[in-house]
Amino acid sequence: MNDLRAERLQVMLSPEELAAVDDFRFKHRMPTRAATVRELLKFGLAAADVDAVAGVKSSSFGVFGRGPDGHTQGESGNED
């Protein structure tokens, strides 16, 4: 895997989400929050059976599909 980190991603978290990230970080002796988030992303993508390789579109992840009118909620989401 290429460890080149050329993209920056900014994420806003609630206090509870940040506490969960920090708890995971300290429990697993991760060096930084960024390393922790990368590890959690890997776990989440693997659990969703997603092969996160370059060129894969977000619509392939099964959360959103793209219809003629733009993005639509995928089958796994709650529709109101």
C-alpha atoms as a PDB file:
ATOM      1  CA  MET A   1       0.000   0.000   0.000  1.00  0.00           C
ATOM      2  CA  ASN A   2       1.240   3.452  -0.850  1.00  0.00           C
ATOM      3  CA  ASP A   3       1.654   5.570   2.288  1.00  0.00           C
ATOM      4  CA  LEU A   4       1.756   8.833   0.338  1.00  0.00           C
ATOM      5  CA  ARG A   5      -0.720  11.110   2.086  1.00  0.00           C
ATOM      6  CA  ALA A   6      -1.393  13.837  -0.434  1.00  0.00           C
ATOM      7  CA  GLU A   7      -4.983  14.609   0.561  1.00  0.00           C
ATOM      8  CA  ARG A   8      -6.200  16.381   3.670  1.00  0.00           C
ATOM      9  CA  LEU A   9      -9.624  15.572   5.107  1.00  0.00           C
ATOM     10  CA  GLN A  10     -11.294  17.753   7.698  1.00  0.00           C
ATOM     11  CA  VAL A  11     -13.938  16.098   9.873  1.00  0.00           C
ATOM     12  CA  MET A  12     -16.101  17.689  12.524  1.00  0.00           C
ATOM     13  CA  LEU A  13     -16.910  15.401  15.481  1.00  0.00           C
ATOM     14  CA  SER A  14     -19.259  15.647  18.410  1.00  0.00           C
ATOM     15  CA  PRO A  15     -17.689  15.487  21.881  1.00  0.00           C
ATOM     16  CA  GLU A  16     -18.933  11.889  22.194  1.00  0.00           C
ATOM     17  CA  GLU A  17     -17.404  10.867  18.857  1.00  0.00           C
ATOM     18  CA  LEU A  18     -14.091  12.497  19.761  1.00  0.00           C
ATOM     19  CA  ALA A  19     -14.091  10.714  23.132  1.00  0.00           C
ATOM     20  CA  ALA A  20     -14.679   7.390  21.342  1.00  0.00           C
ATOM     21  CA  VAL A  21     -11.769   8.086  18.956  1.00  0.00           C
ATOM     22  CA  ASP A  22      -9.496   9.052  21.859  1.00  0.00           C
ATOM     23  CA  ASP A  23     -10.564   5.995  23.898  1.00  0.00           C
ATOM     24  CA  PHE A  24      -9.686   3.742  20.946  1.00  0.00           C
ATOM     25  CA  ARG A  25      -6.417   5.618  20.456  1.00  0.00           C
ATOM     26  CA  PHE A  26      -5.233   5.198  24.024  1.00  0.00           C
ATOM     27  CA  LYS A  27      -6.493   1.612  24.366  1.00  0.00           C
ATOM     28  CA  HIS A  28      -4.522   0.618  21.265  1.00  0.00           C
ATOM     29  CA  ARG A  29      -1.552   2.922  21.934  1.00  0.00           C
ATOM     30  CA  MET A  30      -1.935   4.771  18.655  1.00  0.00           C
ATOM     31  CA  PRO A  31       0.542   7.651  18.194  1.00  0.00           C
ATOM     32  CA  THR A  32      -1.891  10.309  16.902  1.00  0.00           C
ATOM     33  CA  ARG A  33      -5.574  10.990  16.307  1.00  0.00           C
ATOM     34  CA  ALA A  34      -4.882  10.965  12.565  1.00  0.00           C
ATOM     35  CA  ALA A  35      -3.372   7.464  12.742  1.00  0.00           C
ATOM     36  CA  THR A  36      -6.351   6.366  14.835  1.00  0.00           C
ATOM     37  CA  VAL A  37      -8.877   7.710  12.342  1.00  0.00           C
ATOM     38  CA  ARG A  38      -7.022   6.040   9.443  1.00  0.00           C
ATOM     39  CA  GLU A  39      -7.116   2.719  11.328  1.00  0.00           C
ATOM     40  CA  LEU A  40     -10.816   3.093  12.139  1.00  0.00           C
ATOM     41  CA  LEU A  41     -11.533   3.906   8.484  1.00  0.00           C
ATOM     42  CA  LYS A  42      -9.719   0.729   7.430  1.00  0.00           C
ATOM     43  CA  PHE A  43     -11.788  -1.298   9.917  1.00  0.00           C
ATOM     44  CA  GLY A  44     -15.025   0.293   8.765  1.00  0.00           C
ATOM     45  CA  LEU A  45     -14.297  -0.194   5.076  1.00  0.00           C
ATOM     46  CA  ALA A  46     -13.258  -3.813   5.654  1.00  0.00           C
ATOM     47  CA  ALA A  47     -16.435  -4.461   7.678  1.00  0.00           C
ATOM     48  CA  ALA A  48     -18.484  -3.027   4.804  1.00  0.00           C
ATOM     49  CA  ASP A  49     -16.544  -5.306   2.433  1.00  0.00           C
ATOM     50  CA  VAL A  50     -15.219  -2.319   0.486  1.00  0.00           C
ATOM     51  CA  ASP A  51     -11.898  -2.507  -1.323  1.00  0.00           C
ATOM     52  CA  ALA A  52     -10.781   1.123  -0.931  1.00  0.00           C
ATOM     53  CA  VAL A  53      -8.498   1.543  -3.922  1.00  0.00           C
ATOM     54  CA  ALA A  54      -7.833   4.598  -6.026  1.00  0.00           C
ATOM     55  CA  GLY A  55     -10.549   5.329  -8.550  1.00  0.00           C
ATOM     56  CA  VAL A  56     -13.410   3.711  -6.630  1.00  0.00           C
ATOM     57  CA  LYS A  57     -16.434   6.015  -6.629  1.00  0.00           C
ATOM     58  CA  SER A  58     -18.365   6.732  -3.445  1.00  0.00           C
ATOM     59  CA  SER A  59     -21.512   5.390  -5.093  1.00  0.00           C
ATOM     60  CA  SER A  60     -19.795   1.977  -5.107  1.00  0.00           C
ATOM     61  CA  PHE A  61     -19.847   1.986  -1.314  1.00  0.00           C
ATOM     62  CA  GLY A  62     -23.590   1.375  -1.300  1.00  0.00           C
ATOM     63  CA  VAL A  63     -24.565   4.396   0.784  1.00  0.00           C
ATOM     64  CA  PHE A  64     -25.738   6.608  -2.072  1.00  0.00           C
ATOM     65  CA  GLY A  65     -26.672   5.780  -5.609  1.00  0.00           C
ATOM     66  CA  ARG A  66     -26.743   8.201  -8.492  1.00  0.00           C
ATOM     67  CA  GLY A  67     -29.980   8.482 -10.393  1.00  0.00           C
ATOM     68  CA  PRO A  68     -31.095  10.760 -13.213  1.00  0.00           C
ATOM     69  CA  ASP A  69     -32.038  13.445 -10.667  1.00  0.00           C
ATOM     70  CA  GLY A  70     -28.704  13.333  -8.819  1.00  0.00           C
ATOM     71  CA  HIS A  71     -27.921  11.455  -5.632  1.00  0.00           C
ATOM     72  CA  THR A  72     -30.610   9.282  -4.114  1.00  0.00           C
ATOM     73  CA  GLN A  73     -30.724   7.385  -0.848  1.00  0.00           C
ATOM     74  CA  GLY A  74     -29.421   3.820  -1.161  1.00  0.00           C
ATOM     75  CA  GLU A  75     -31.398   0.744  -0.185  1.00  0.00           C
ATOM     76  CA  SER A  76     -29.692   0.471   3.206  1.00  0.00           C
ATOM     77  CA  GLY A  77     -30.706   3.983   4.295  1.00  0.00           C
ATOM     78  CA  ASN A  78     -33.821   5.227   6.016  1.00  0.00           C
ATOM     79  CA  GLU A  79     -36.179   6.931   3.629  1.00  0.00           C
ATOM     80  CA  ASP A  80     -38.658   9.457   4.983  1.00  0.00           C
END
